[in-house]
Amino acid sequence: MKKPRILISTHYNCLRNIKSSIAAYNLGYELELITQGDGLGLVRELMHDHIYKSIRIWSTPSQLEKYMEESNADIIWCHNEPDLMTVLAHSPNVKRDRMIIHDCHDLPTLHPEYTKNEEVNEQEMISMTKSDMVFVPTQDYVDITEKKYGRKEGVHVLYSCAPSAFFPNADMPRVNGMLYCGQINVPSMGSRLAYRDVVPLFRYLTALGIASHIYYTTPNIDVTPYITAGACTYGVLKMWAAIQQYTRYDYGFVGSNVECEEIKICMPNKLFDCMAAGIPLICLNADTAGKFCIDNDIGISVNGLSALQNVPWGDVSMWERMRKNVREIRREYTMENQLKKLFDKVGI
């Protein structure tokens, strides 16, 4: 039976969407993409624009709605942040008899700055309650959706796993220390995501005598505060090349030096990218990711910055055991594997 055609609708074509799009393409699905111009840049940066049969660039909500309406795709898969794409997909001329998937990377209302924003709250409510299916990154999000919106059916976990194309063929020469990969912020940026200002983390690691290495994905950022804190910084790489480099390190990092709900319940890209590289994890203030790592014996979990002094940094046998365990289970956590299980479950 012919697989349904899927229209991907995004504002910024983020890494979670790239990963799931590559996997869907590899599973034989025909894909279209509607994104803003900066999103197209990420597709090309990752050298995977070929996975989309067509790419259309929108700049206004009315243009986005028009492009979705004109598509003949069977499914509209909307990636949030914001939830605008999903709200527009529910307009009668767009939805028609098509399935709408709301891919909730993060719940906007978990961010304190958004709790009193009526538009954001309404868009989230529409997206989480009216969509045919909702994909979320952790079981915690399933529980929050039921508690907050009373929705018990049609909410499914899809981990932000790396696609098989990102898995390294061989390890690079080893370098001691801890890897941090992903977005970083500094206070001068004025970002609402304060948990991405992790300068204190690297100051603390340096004080402990632990080497640290940052592969950041935030463009045009002044990393001087991180260098001053003692970290080695390597800039932005194509994702497949970055994961190849991640194989060098003793362990990867998940979490933040601050405590917040977003970090507590996260299962972020960096967790699965480090798994793809075959390195164990250190989780800080990240309870859900920490439990996953402990349950699979692929990492440790601590809470509070000062708890890092109790990490058994020098326990070579423990880290090597966990490294071995990561490598034994990592192929279970390719995006292709996880997406196929989910699509088989829901009949896509």
C-alpha atoms as a PDB file:
ATOM      1  CA  MET A   1       0.000   0.000   0.000  1.00  0.00           C
ATOM      2  CA  LYS A   2       1.299   3.441  -0.904  1.00  0.00           C
ATOM      3  CA  LYS A   3       2.522   5.474   2.042  1.00  0.00           C
ATOM      4  CA  PRO A   4       0.787   8.795   2.727  1.00  0.00           C
ATOM      5  CA  ARG A   5       2.433  12.006   1.557  1.00  0.00           C
ATOM      6  CA  ILE A   6       3.487  14.230   4.459  1.00  0.00           C
ATOM      7  CA  LEU A   7       3.674  18.020   4.498  1.00  0.00           C
ATOM      8  CA  ILE A   8       6.121  19.338   7.106  1.00  0.00           C
ATOM      9  CA  SER A   9       5.169  22.807   8.369  1.00  0.00           C
ATOM     10  CA  THR A  10       7.670  24.759  10.486  1.00  0.00           C
ATOM     11  CA  HIS A  11       8.714  28.219  11.548  1.00  0.00           C
ATOM     12  CA  TYR A  12      12.365  27.401  12.111  1.00  0.00           C
ATOM     13  CA  ASN A  13      13.377  24.088  10.629  1.00  0.00           C
ATOM     14  CA  CYS A  14      14.986  22.853  13.834  1.00  0.00           C
ATOM     15  CA  LEU A  15      17.112  19.786  14.460  1.00  0.00           C
ATOM     16  CA  ARG A  16      14.245  17.627  15.762  1.00  0.00           C
ATOM     17  CA  ASN A  17      12.399  18.193  12.498  1.00  0.00           C
ATOM     18  CA  ILE A  18      15.509  17.518  10.416  1.00  0.00           C
ATOM     19  CA  LYS A  19      16.042  14.247  12.263  1.00  0.00           C
ATOM     20  CA  SER A  20      12.460  13.047  11.878  1.00  0.00           C
ATOM     21  CA  SER A  21      12.326  14.190   8.248  1.00  0.00           C
ATOM     22  CA  ILE A  22      15.478  12.258   7.352  1.00  0.00           C
ATOM     23  CA  ALA A  23      14.086   9.181   9.072  1.00  0.00           C
ATOM     24  CA  ALA A  24      10.689   9.468   7.359  1.00  0.00           C
ATOM     25  CA  TYR A  25      12.418   9.851   4.002  1.00  0.00           C
ATOM     26  CA  ASN A  26      14.551   6.779   4.699  1.00  0.00           C
ATOM     27  CA  LEU A  27      11.381   4.878   5.608  1.00  0.00           C
ATOM     28  CA  GLY A  28       9.941   5.664   2.171  1.00  0.00           C
ATOM     29  CA  TYR A  29       7.634   8.619   2.838  1.00  0.00           C
ATOM     30  CA  GLU A  30       7.321  11.460   0.336  1.00  0.00           C
ATOM     31  CA  LEU A  31       7.843  14.792   2.069  1.00  0.00           C
ATOM     32  CA  GLU A  32       7.114  18.435   1.351  1.00  0.00           C
ATOM     33  CA  LEU A  33       8.469  21.299   3.442  1.00  0.00           C
ATOM     34  CA  ILE A  34       7.040  24.721   4.236  1.00  0.00           C
ATOM     35  CA  THR A  35       9.380  26.832   6.360  1.00  0.00           C
ATOM     36  CA  GLN A  36      10.657  30.337   6.821  1.00  0.00           C
ATOM     37  CA  GLY A  37      13.826  31.360   5.019  1.00  0.00           C
ATOM     38  CA  ASP A  38      16.165  30.829   7.965  1.00  0.00           C
ATOM     39  CA  GLY A  39      14.855  27.285   8.282  1.00  0.00           C
ATOM     40  CA  LEU A  40      15.952  26.500   4.749  1.00  0.00           C
ATOM     41  CA  GLY A  41      19.481  27.466   5.756  1.00  0.00           C
ATOM     42  CA  LEU A  42      19.594  24.676   8.319  1.00  0.00           C
ATOM     43  CA  VAL A  43      18.434  22.107   5.765  1.00  0.00           C
ATOM     44  CA  ARG A  44      21.280  23.099   3.466  1.00  0.00           C
ATOM     45  CA  GLU A  45      23.770  23.295   6.328  1.00  0.00           C
ATOM     46  CA  LEU A  46      22.994  19.678   7.133  1.00  0.00           C
ATOM     47  CA  MET A  47      23.132  18.783   3.411  1.00  0.00           C
ATOM     48  CA  HIS A  48      19.747  17.101   3.460  1.00  0.00           C
ATOM     49  CA  ASP A  49      17.526  19.367   1.358  1.00  0.00           C
ATOM     50  CA  HIS A  50      17.167  16.476  -1.126  1.00  0.00           C
ATOM     51  CA  ILE A  51      14.794  14.674   1.244  1.00  0.00           C
ATOM     52  CA  TYR A  52      11.958  17.093   0.401  1.00  0.00           C
ATOM     53  CA  LYS A  53      10.105  16.773  -2.895  1.00  0.00           C
ATOM     54  CA  SER A  54       9.333  20.481  -2.673  1.00  0.00           C
ATOM     55  CA  ILE A  55      10.307  23.365  -0.403  1.00  0.00           C
ATOM     56  CA  ARG A  56       8.249  26.537  -0.086  1.00  0.00           C
ATOM     57  CA  ILE A  57       9.258  29.581   1.944  1.00  0.00           C
ATOM     58  CA  TRP A  58       6.652  31.564   3.880  1.00  0.00           C
ATOM     59  CA  SER A  59       7.019  34.965   5.479  1.00  0.00           C
ATOM     60  CA  THR A  60       3.500  35.828   6.713  1.00  0.00           C
ATOM     61  CA  PRO A  61       0.807  33.713   8.419  1.00  0.00           C
ATOM     62  CA  SER A  62      -1.542  34.208   5.476  1.00  0.00           C
ATOM     63  CA  GLN A  63       1.127  32.956   3.094  1.00  0.00           C
ATOM     64  CA  LEU A  64       1.764  29.921   5.317  1.00  0.00           C
ATOM     65  CA  GLU A  65      -1.956  29.107   5.394  1.00  0.00           C
ATOM     66  CA  LYS A  66      -2.209  29.508   1.612  1.00  0.00           C
ATOM     67  CA  TYR A  67       0.734  27.141   0.998  1.00  0.00           C
ATOM     68  CA  MET A  68      -0.716  24.515   3.338  1.00  0.00           C
ATOM     69  CA  GLU A  69      -4.073  24.779   1.599  1.00  0.00           C
ATOM     70  CA  GLU A  70      -2.494  24.316  -1.839  1.00  0.00           C
ATOM     71  CA  SER A  71      -0.615  21.178  -0.829  1.00  0.00           C
ATOM     72  CA  ASN A  72      -2.107  17.814  -1.746  1.00  0.00           C
ATOM     73  CA  ALA A  73      -0.359  16.014   1.115  1.00  0.00           C
ATOM     74  CA  ASP A  74      -2.370  13.497   3.133  1.00  0.00           C
ATOM     75  CA  ILE A  75      -0.868  14.499   6.491  1.00  0.00           C
ATOM     76  CA  ILE A  76       0.213  17.909   7.795  1.00  0.00           C
ATOM     77  CA  TRP A  77       2.965  17.481  10.387  1.00  0.00           C
ATOM     78  CA  CYS A  78       3.375  20.773  12.257  1.00  0.00           C
ATOM     79  CA  HIS A  79       6.398  21.491  14.424  1.00  0.00           C
ATOM     80  CA  ASN A  80       5.754  23.940  17.213  1.00  0.00           C
ATOM     81  CA  GLU A  81       7.594  26.922  18.689  1.00  0.00           C
ATOM     82  CA  PRO A  82       5.381  28.715  17.988  1.00  0.00           C
ATOM     83  CA  ASP A  83       2.107  26.763  17.777  1.00  0.00           C
ATOM     84  CA  LEU A  84       0.921  29.006  14.934  1.00  0.00           C
ATOM     85  CA  MET A  85       1.505  26.353  12.261  1.00  0.00           C
ATOM     86  CA  THR A  86      -0.877  23.903  13.906  1.00  0.00           C
ATOM     87  CA  VAL A  87      -3.556  26.516  14.554  1.00  0.00           C
ATOM     88  CA  LEU A  88      -3.557  27.548  10.892  1.00  0.00           C
ATOM     89  CA  ALA A  89      -3.580  23.908   9.790  1.00  0.00           C
ATOM     90  CA  HIS A  90      -6.946  23.514  11.529  1.00  0.00           C
ATOM     91  CA  SER A  91      -8.637  26.124   9.384  1.00  0.00           C
ATOM     92  CA  PRO A  92     -11.341  24.329   7.321  1.00  0.00           C
ATOM     93  CA  ASN A  93      -9.792  25.062   3.909  1.00  0.00           C
ATOM     94  CA  VAL A  94      -6.460  23.619   5.016  1.00  0.00           C
ATOM     95  CA  LYS A  95      -7.472  20.615   7.080  1.00  0.00           C
ATOM     96  CA  ARG A  96     -10.275  19.246   4.907  1.00  0.00           C
ATOM     97  CA  ASP A  97     -10.168  15.484   5.603  1.00  0.00           C
ATOM     98  CA  ARG A  98      -6.449  15.408   6.373  1.00  0.00           C
ATOM     99  CA  MET A  99      -4.657  14.286   9.520  1.00  0.00           C
ATOM    100  CA  ILE A 100      -3.022  17.043  11.578  1.00  0.00           C
ATOM    101  CA  ILE A 101      -0.023  16.087  13.722  1.00  0.00           C
ATOM    102  CA  HIS A 102       1.163  18.568  16.332  1.00  0.00           C
ATOM    103  CA  ASP A 103       4.824  17.903  17.156  1.00  0.00           C
ATOM    104  CA  CYS A 104       5.321  19.574  20.523  1.00  0.00           C
ATOM    105  CA  HIS A 105       9.063  20.054  21.027  1.00  0.00           C
ATOM    106  CA  ASP A 106       8.427  22.189  24.109  1.00  0.00           C
ATOM    107  CA  LEU A 107       5.278  23.425  25.799  1.00  0.00           C
ATOM    108  CA  PRO A 108       5.437  27.228  25.524  1.00  0.00           C
ATOM    109  CA  THR A 109       3.493  27.633  28.753  1.00  0.00           C
ATOM    110  CA  LEU A 110       6.290  25.911  30.671  1.00  0.00           C
ATOM    111  CA  HIS A 111       8.319  29.074  30.103  1.00  0.00           C
ATOM    112  CA  PRO A 112       7.497  31.586  32.875  1.00  0.00           C
ATOM    113  CA  GLU A 113       7.558  34.504  30.421  1.00  0.00           C
ATOM    114  CA  TYR A 114       4.623  33.020  28.508  1.00  0.00           C
ATOM    115  CA  THR A 115       2.263  32.055  31.322  1.00  0.00           C
ATOM    116  CA  LYS A 116       0.278  35.316  31.046  1.00  0.00           C
ATOM    117  CA  ASN A 117       0.373  35.578  27.249  1.00  0.00           C
ATOM    118  CA  GLU A 118      -3.219  34.907  26.204  1.00  0.00           C
ATOM    119  CA  GLU A 119      -2.388  34.291  22.543  1.00  0.00           C
ATOM    120  CA  VAL A 120       0.297  31.736  23.379  1.00  0.00           C
ATOM    121  CA  ASN A 121      -2.002  29.970  25.841  1.00  0.00           C
ATOM    122  CA  GLU A 122      -4.869  29.810  23.336  1.00  0.00           C
ATOM    123  CA  GLN A 123      -2.631  28.518  20.523  1.00  0.00           C
ATOM    124  CA  GLU A 124      -1.234  25.814  22.785  1.00  0.00           C
ATOM    125  CA  MET A 125      -4.717  24.757  23.898  1.00  0.00           C
ATOM    126  CA  ILE A 126      -5.961  24.488  20.301  1.00  0.00           C
ATOM    127  CA  SER A 127      -2.875  22.567  19.184  1.00  0.00           C
ATOM    128  CA  MET A 128      -2.884  20.113  22.075  1.00  0.00           C
ATOM    129  CA  THR A 129      -6.616  19.396  22.083  1.00  0.00           C
ATOM    130  CA  LYS A 130      -7.763  19.583  18.462  1.00  0.00           C
ATOM    131  CA  SER A 131      -4.917  17.881  16.590  1.00  0.00           C
ATOM    132  CA  ASP A 132      -5.523  14.310  15.455  1.00  0.00           C
ATOM    133  CA  MET A 133      -2.248  13.298  17.042  1.00  0.00           C
ATOM    134  CA  VAL A 134       0.314  14.956  19.276  1.00  0.00           C
ATOM    135  CA  PHE A 135       3.964  13.892  19.332  1.00  0.00           C
ATOM    136  CA  VAL A 136       5.954  14.819  22.442  1.00  0.00           C
ATOM    137  CA  PRO A 137       9.575  14.180  23.496  1.00  0.00           C
ATOM    138  CA  THR A 138       8.954  12.538  26.896  1.00  0.00           C
ATOM    139  CA  GLN A 139       6.344  10.670  28.912  1.00  0.00           C
ATOM    140  CA  ASP A 140       6.229  13.690  31.234  1.00  0.00           C
ATOM    141  CA  TYR A 141       4.656  15.666  28.399  1.00  0.00           C
ATOM    142  CA  VAL A 142       2.004  12.972  27.981  1.00  0.00           C
ATOM    143  CA  ASP A 143       1.178  13.293  31.670  1.00  0.00           C
ATOM    144  CA  ILE A 144       1.124  17.116  31.534  1.00  0.00           C
ATOM    145  CA  THR A 145      -1.187  17.036  28.507  1.00  0.00           C
ATOM    146  CA  GLU A 146      -3.670  14.826  30.325  1.00  0.00           C
ATOM    147  CA  LYS A 147      -3.500  16.888  33.521  1.00  0.00           C
ATOM    148  CA  LYS A 148      -3.687  20.288  31.825  1.00  0.00           C
ATOM    149  CA  TYR A 149      -5.988  19.580  28.887  1.00  0.00           C
ATOM    150  CA  GLY A 150      -7.748  16.342  29.822  1.00  0.00           C
ATOM    151  CA  ARG A 151      -6.486  14.579  26.716  1.00  0.00           C
ATOM    152  CA  LYS A 152      -5.909  10.860  27.298  1.00  0.00           C
ATOM    153  CA  GLU A 153      -5.687   9.524  23.743  1.00  0.00           C
ATOM    154  CA  GLY A 154      -3.565  10.347  20.706  1.00  0.00           C
ATOM    155  CA  VAL A 155      -0.515  11.717  22.547  1.00  0.00           C
ATOM    156  CA  HIS A 156       2.630   9.741  21.731  1.00  0.00           C
ATOM    157  CA  VAL A 157       6.275   9.905  22.750  1.00  0.00           C
ATOM    158  CA  LEU A 158       8.811  10.385  19.963  1.00  0.00           C
ATOM    159  CA  TYR A 159      12.361  10.734  21.216  1.00  0.00           C
ATOM    160  CA  SER A 160      14.666  13.208  19.446  1.00  0.00           C
ATOM    161  CA  CYS A 161      16.988  10.435  18.288  1.00  0.00           C
ATOM    162  CA  ALA A 162      19.721  10.840  15.706  1.00  0.00           C
ATOM    163  CA  PRO A 163      18.988   9.311  12.286  1.00  0.00           C
ATOM    164  CA  SER A 164      21.216   6.462  11.187  1.00  0.00           C
ATOM    165  CA  ALA A 165      23.053   8.774   8.753  1.00  0.00           C
ATOM    166  CA  PHE A 166      24.450  10.711  11.724  1.00  0.00           C
ATOM    167  CA  PHE A 167      25.981   7.657  13.415  1.00  0.00           C
ATOM    168  CA  PRO A 168      29.802   7.656  13.157  1.00  0.00           C
ATOM    169  CA  ASN A 169      31.559   4.835  11.348  1.00  0.00           C
ATOM    170  CA  ALA A 170      34.599   4.929  13.634  1.00  0.00           C
ATOM    171  CA  ASP A 171      35.873   6.757  16.696  1.00  0.00           C
ATOM    172  CA  MET A 172      38.203   9.716  16.593  1.00  0.00           C
ATOM    173  CA  PRO A 173      41.313   9.714  18.833  1.00  0.00           C
ATOM    174  CA  ARG A 174      40.316  10.107  22.482  1.00  0.00           C
ATOM    175  CA  VAL A 175      40.507  13.421  24.333  1.00  0.00           C
ATOM    176  CA  ASN A 176      39.912  13.583  28.075  1.00  0.00           C
ATOM    177  CA  GLY A 177      37.031  15.582  29.468  1.00  0.00           C
ATOM    178  CA  MET A 178      33.328  16.362  29.276  1.00  0.00           C
ATOM    179  CA  LEU A 179      31.458  17.306  26.097  1.00  0.00           C
ATOM    180  CA  TYR A 180      28.710  19.938  25.964  1.00  0.00           C
ATOM    181  CA  CYS A 181      26.842  20.182  22.666  1.00  0.00           C
ATOM    182  CA  GLY A 182      23.945  22.376  21.624  1.00  0.00           C
ATOM    183  CA  GLN A 183      22.804  25.932  22.178  1.00  0.00           C
ATOM    184  CA  ILE A 184      24.504  28.195  24.704  1.00  0.00           C
ATOM    185  CA  ASN A 185      23.538  31.674  25.825  1.00  0.00           C
ATOM    186  CA  VAL A 186      25.112  34.500  27.772  1.00  0.00           C
ATOM    187  CA  PRO A 187      23.208  37.039  29.915  1.00  0.00           C
ATOM    188  CA  SER A 188      23.845  39.861  27.449  1.00  0.00           C
ATOM    189  CA  MET A 189      21.687  38.050  24.881  1.00  0.00           C
ATOM    190  CA  GLY A 190      18.596  38.710  26.983  1.00  0.00           C
ATOM    191  CA  SER A 191      17.156  35.289  26.138  1.00  0.00           C
ATOM    192  CA  ARG A 192      14.062  34.036  27.912  1.00  0.00           C
ATOM    193  CA  LEU A 193      15.775  30.613  28.087  1.00  0.00           C
ATOM    194  CA  ALA A 194      17.980  31.410  31.066  1.00  0.00           C
ATOM    195  CA  TYR A 195      18.871  27.736  31.507  1.00  0.00           C
ATOM    196  CA  ARG A 196      21.081  27.969  28.418  1.00  0.00           C
ATOM    197  CA  ASP A 197      23.430  30.371  30.201  1.00  0.00           C
ATOM    198  CA  VAL A 198      25.731  27.622  31.489  1.00  0.00           C
ATOM    199  CA  VAL A 199      28.864  29.693  32.123  1.00  0.00           C
ATOM    200  CA  PRO A 200      28.686  28.791  35.864  1.00  0.00           C
ATOM    201  CA  LEU A 201      28.815  25.098  34.916  1.00  0.00           C
ATOM    202  CA  PHE A 202      32.141  25.505  33.169  1.00  0.00           C
ATOM    203  CA  ARG A 203      33.582  27.651  35.921  1.00  0.00           C
ATOM    204  CA  TYR A 204      32.736  24.871  38.366  1.00  0.00           C
ATOM    205  CA  LEU A 205      34.197  22.141  36.162  1.00  0.00           C
ATOM    206  CA  THR A 206      37.416  24.123  35.767  1.00  0.00           C
ATOM    207  CA  ALA A 207      37.641  24.518  39.546  1.00  0.00           C
ATOM    208  CA  LEU A 208      37.276  20.736  39.860  1.00  0.00           C
ATOM    209  CA  GLY A 209      40.062  20.211  37.340  1.00  0.00           C
ATOM    210  CA  ILE A 210      37.751  18.684  34.721  1.00  0.00           C
ATOM    211  CA  ALA A 211      38.475  19.517  31.087  1.00  0.00           C
ATOM    212  CA  SER A 212      35.394  20.675  29.173  1.00  0.00           C
ATOM    213  CA  HIS A 213      34.640  21.025  25.478  1.00  0.00           C
ATOM    214  CA  ILE A 214      31.783  22.912  23.791  1.00  0.00           C
ATOM    215  CA  TYR A 215      30.402  22.296  20.302  1.00  0.00           C
ATOM    216  CA  TYR A 216      27.823  25.067  20.189  1.00  0.00           C
ATOM    217  CA  THR A 217      25.004  25.586  17.724  1.00  0.00           C
ATOM    218  CA  THR A 218      24.073  29.172  18.629  1.00  0.00           C
ATOM    219  CA  PRO A 219      25.083  31.362  15.677  1.00  0.00           C
ATOM    220  CA  ASN A 220      27.016  34.610  16.084  1.00  0.00           C
ATOM    221  CA  ILE A 221      27.510  34.278  19.824  1.00  0.00           C
ATOM    222  CA  ASP A 222      30.454  35.787  21.686  1.00  0.00           C
ATOM    223  CA  VAL A 223      31.862  32.751  23.509  1.00  0.00           C
ATOM    224  CA  THR A 224      34.426  34.768  25.454  1.00  0.00           C
ATOM    225  CA  PRO A 225      32.641  34.098  28.795  1.00  0.00           C
ATOM    226  CA  TYR A 226      32.938  30.369  28.160  1.00  0.00           C
ATOM    227  CA  ILE A 227      36.596  30.544  27.188  1.00  0.00           C
ATOM    228  CA  THR A 228      37.262  32.656  30.277  1.00  0.00           C
ATOM    229  CA  ALA A 229      35.457  30.011  32.338  1.00  0.00           C
ATOM    230  CA  GLY A 230      38.004  27.473  31.112  1.00  0.00           C
ATOM    231  CA  ALA A 231      36.122  25.652  28.353  1.00  0.00           C
ATOM    232  CA  CYS A 232      37.503  24.732  24.949  1.00  0.00           C
ATOM    233  CA  THR A 233      35.109  25.883  22.213  1.00  0.00           C
ATOM    234  CA  TYR A 234      34.889  24.471  18.700  1.00  0.00           C
ATOM    235  CA  GLY A 235      32.112  26.367  16.973  1.00  0.00           C
ATOM    236  CA  VAL A 236      29.365  25.117  14.704  1.00  0.00           C
ATOM    237  CA  LEU A 237      29.808  21.938  12.652  1.00  0.00           C
ATOM    238  CA  LYS A 238      27.519  20.001  10.372  1.00  0.00           C
ATOM    239  CA  MET A 239      25.705  17.543  12.617  1.00  0.00           C
ATOM    240  CA  TRP A 240      27.147  14.363  11.145  1.00  0.00           C
ATOM    241  CA  ALA A 241      30.651  15.828  11.511  1.00  0.00           C
ATOM    242  CA  ALA A 242      29.923  17.024  15.051  1.00  0.00           C
ATOM    243  CA  ILE A 243      28.796  13.595  16.241  1.00  0.00           C
ATOM    244  CA  GLN A 244      31.972  12.127  14.731  1.00  0.00           C
ATOM    245  CA  GLN A 245      33.921  14.521  16.969  1.00  0.00           C
ATOM    246  CA  TYR A 246      31.832  13.663  20.023  1.00  0.00           C
ATOM    247  CA  THR A 247      33.365  10.173  20.029  1.00  0.00           C
ATOM    248  CA  ARG A 248      36.578  11.714  21.408  1.00  0.00           C
ATOM    249  CA  TYR A 249      35.271  12.495  24.877  1.00  0.00           C
ATOM    250  CA  ASP A 250      34.884  10.633  28.165  1.00  0.00           C
ATOM    251  CA  TYR A 251      31.268  11.682  28.715  1.00  0.00           C
ATOM    252  CA  GLY A 252      28.586  14.025  27.443  1.00  0.00           C
ATOM    253  CA  PHE A 253      26.380  16.439  29.370  1.00  0.00           C
ATOM    254  CA  VAL A 254      22.599  16.866  29.669  1.00  0.00           C
ATOM    255  CA  GLY A 255      20.929  19.545  31.779  1.00  0.00           C
ATOM    256  CA  SER A 256      21.776  22.938  33.216  1.00  0.00           C
ATOM    257  CA  ASN A 257      23.341  24.573  36.237  1.00  0.00           C
ATOM    258  CA  VAL A 258      19.897  26.013  37.092  1.00  0.00           C
ATOM    259  CA  GLU A 259      16.787  24.131  38.124  1.00  0.00           C
ATOM    260  CA  CYS A 260      13.648  24.563  36.022  1.00  0.00           C
ATOM    261  CA  GLU A 261      10.755  22.465  34.752  1.00  0.00           C
ATOM    262  CA  GLU A 262      11.945  22.504  31.131  1.00  0.00           C
ATOM    263  CA  ILE A 263      15.256  20.875  32.075  1.00  0.00           C
ATOM    264  CA  LYS A 264      13.821  18.577  34.729  1.00  0.00           C
ATOM    265  CA  ILE A 265      11.595  16.757  32.209  1.00  0.00           C
ATOM    266  CA  CYS A 266      13.776  17.026  29.093  1.00  0.00           C
ATOM    267  CA  MET A 267      15.012  14.287  26.775  1.00  0.00           C
ATOM    268  CA  PRO A 268      16.951  16.611  24.456  1.00  0.00           C
ATOM    269  CA  ASN A 269      18.714  16.197  21.139  1.00  0.00           C
ATOM    270  CA  LYS A 270      22.093  16.194  22.882  1.00  0.00           C
ATOM    271  CA  LEU A 271      21.209  13.089  24.901  1.00  0.00           C
ATOM    272  CA  PHE A 272      20.632  11.009  21.786  1.00  0.00           C
ATOM    273  CA  ASP A 273      23.462  12.626  19.832  1.00  0.00           C
ATOM    274  CA  CYS A 274      25.897  11.613  22.581  1.00  0.00           C
ATOM    275  CA  MET A 275      24.392   8.128  22.539  1.00  0.00           C
ATOM    276  CA  ALA A 276      24.931   7.980  18.784  1.00  0.00           C
ATOM    277  CA  ALA A 277      28.565   8.888  19.430  1.00  0.00           C
ATOM    278  CA  GLY A 278      28.779   6.059  21.948  1.00  0.00           C
ATOM    279  CA  ILE A 279      29.676   8.087  25.034  1.00  0.00           C
ATOM    280  CA  PRO A 280      28.044   7.934  28.510  1.00  0.00           C
ATOM    281  CA  LEU A 281      26.164  10.870  30.053  1.00  0.00           C
ATOM    282  CA  ILE A 282      26.277  13.133  33.064  1.00  0.00           C
ATOM    283  CA  CYS A 283      22.823  14.580  33.804  1.00  0.00           C
ATOM    284  CA  LEU A 284      22.514  17.676  36.002  1.00  0.00           C
ATOM    285  CA  ASN A 285      19.104  18.823  37.252  1.00  0.00           C
ATOM    286  CA  ALA A 286      17.592  16.688  34.470  1.00  0.00           C
ATOM    287  CA  ASP A 287      15.568  14.057  36.304  1.00  0.00           C
ATOM    288  CA  THR A 288      13.832  12.404  33.346  1.00  0.00           C
ATOM    289  CA  ALA A 289      16.992  12.098  31.252  1.00  0.00           C
ATOM    290  CA  GLY A 290      18.866  11.027  34.378  1.00  0.00           C
ATOM    291  CA  LYS A 291      16.422   8.213  35.101  1.00  0.00           C
ATOM    292  CA  PHE A 292      16.710   7.010  31.498  1.00  0.00           C
ATOM    293  CA  CYS A 293      20.502   6.932  31.801  1.00  0.00           C
ATOM    294  CA  ILE A 294      20.472   5.172  35.168  1.00  0.00           C
ATOM    295  CA  ASP A 295      17.886   2.601  34.057  1.00  0.00           C
ATOM    296  CA  ASN A 296      20.077   1.738  31.051  1.00  0.00           C
ATOM    297  CA  ASP A 297      23.360   2.069  32.980  1.00  0.00           C
ATOM    298  CA  ILE A 298      24.698   4.579  30.475  1.00  0.00           C
ATOM    299  CA  GLY A 299      25.233   7.564  32.763  1.00  0.00           C
ATOM    300  CA  ILE A 300      24.726   9.210  36.126  1.00  0.00           C
ATOM    301  CA  SER A 301      22.304  11.815  37.465  1.00  0.00           C
ATOM    302  CA  VAL A 302      22.903  14.545  40.054  1.00  0.00           C
ATOM    303  CA  ASN A 303      21.020  17.612  41.246  1.00  0.00           C
ATOM    304  CA  GLY A 304      22.617  20.915  42.178  1.00  0.00           C
ATOM    305  CA  LEU A 305      25.855  22.311  40.788  1.00  0.00           C
ATOM    306  CA  SER A 306      27.803  21.438  43.930  1.00  0.00           C
ATOM    307  CA  ALA A 307      26.868  17.766  43.473  1.00  0.00           C
ATOM    308  CA  LEU A 308      29.335  17.616  40.568  1.00  0.00           C
ATOM    309  CA  GLN A 309      32.123  17.313  43.126  1.00  0.00           C
ATOM    310  CA  ASN A 310      30.676  13.921  44.074  1.00  0.00           C
ATOM    311  CA  VAL A 311      30.754  12.562  40.509  1.00  0.00           C
ATOM    312  CA  PRO A 312      33.242   9.653  40.293  1.00  0.00           C
ATOM    313  CA  TRP A 313      35.220  11.363  37.542  1.00  0.00           C
ATOM    314  CA  GLY A 314      38.206   9.093  37.914  1.00  0.00           C
ATOM    315  CA  ASP A 315      36.371   5.759  37.981  1.00  0.00           C
ATOM    316  CA  VAL A 316      37.727   4.493  34.680  1.00  0.00           C
ATOM    317  CA  SER A 317      36.102   1.068  34.921  1.00  0.00           C
ATOM    318  CA  MET A 318      32.650   2.563  35.566  1.00  0.00           C
ATOM    319  CA  TRP A 319      32.832   4.917  32.592  1.00  0.00           C
ATOM    320  CA  GLU A 320      34.134   2.191  30.308  1.00  0.00           C
ATOM    321  CA  ARG A 321      31.282  -0.093  31.393  1.00  0.00           C
ATOM    322  CA  MET A 322      28.773   2.631  30.596  1.00  0.00           C
ATOM    323  CA  ARG A 323      30.478   3.363  27.278  1.00  0.00           C
ATOM    324  CA  LYS A 324      30.118  -0.317  26.395  1.00  0.00           C
ATOM    325  CA  ASN A 325      26.442  -0.248  27.387  1.00  0.00           C
ATOM    326  CA  VAL A 326      25.737   2.829  25.256  1.00  0.00           C
ATOM    327  CA  ARG A 327      27.238   1.129  22.246  1.00  0.00           C
ATOM    328  CA  GLU A 328      25.156  -1.979  22.816  1.00  0.00           C
ATOM    329  CA  ILE A 329      21.817  -0.134  22.829  1.00  0.00           C
ATOM    330  CA  ARG A 330      22.393   2.934  20.649  1.00  0.00           C
ATOM    331  CA  ARG A 331      21.111   1.340  17.408  1.00  0.00           C
ATOM    332  CA  GLU A 332      17.773   0.817  19.127  1.00  0.00           C
ATOM    333  CA  TYR A 333      17.584   4.602  19.388  1.00  0.00           C
ATOM    334  CA  THR A 334      17.948   5.651  15.781  1.00  0.00           C
ATOM    335  CA  MET A 335      15.200   7.992  14.632  1.00  0.00           C
ATOM    336  CA  GLU A 336      14.273   5.494  11.915  1.00  0.00           C
ATOM    337  CA  ASN A 337      13.719   2.782  14.507  1.00  0.00           C
ATOM    338  CA  GLN A 338      11.697   4.976  16.849  1.00  0.00           C
ATOM    339  CA  LEU A 339       9.645   6.576  14.065  1.00  0.00           C
ATOM    340  CA  LYS A 340       8.780   3.237  12.464  1.00  0.00           C
ATOM    341  CA  LYS A 341       7.562   1.884  15.802  1.00  0.00           C
ATOM    342  CA  LEU A 342       5.383   4.960  16.279  1.00  0.00           C
ATOM    343  CA  PHE A 343       4.030   5.032  12.728  1.00  0.00           C
ATOM    344  CA  ASP A 344       3.239   1.304  12.897  1.00  0.00           C
ATOM    345  CA  LYS A 345       1.449   1.879  16.203  1.00  0.00           C
ATOM    346  CA  VAL A 346      -0.754   4.715  14.928  1.00  0.00           C
ATOM    347  CA  GLY A 347      -1.244   3.376  11.390  1.00  0.00           C
ATOM    348  CA  ILE A 348       0.610   5.974   9.347  1.00  0.00           C
END
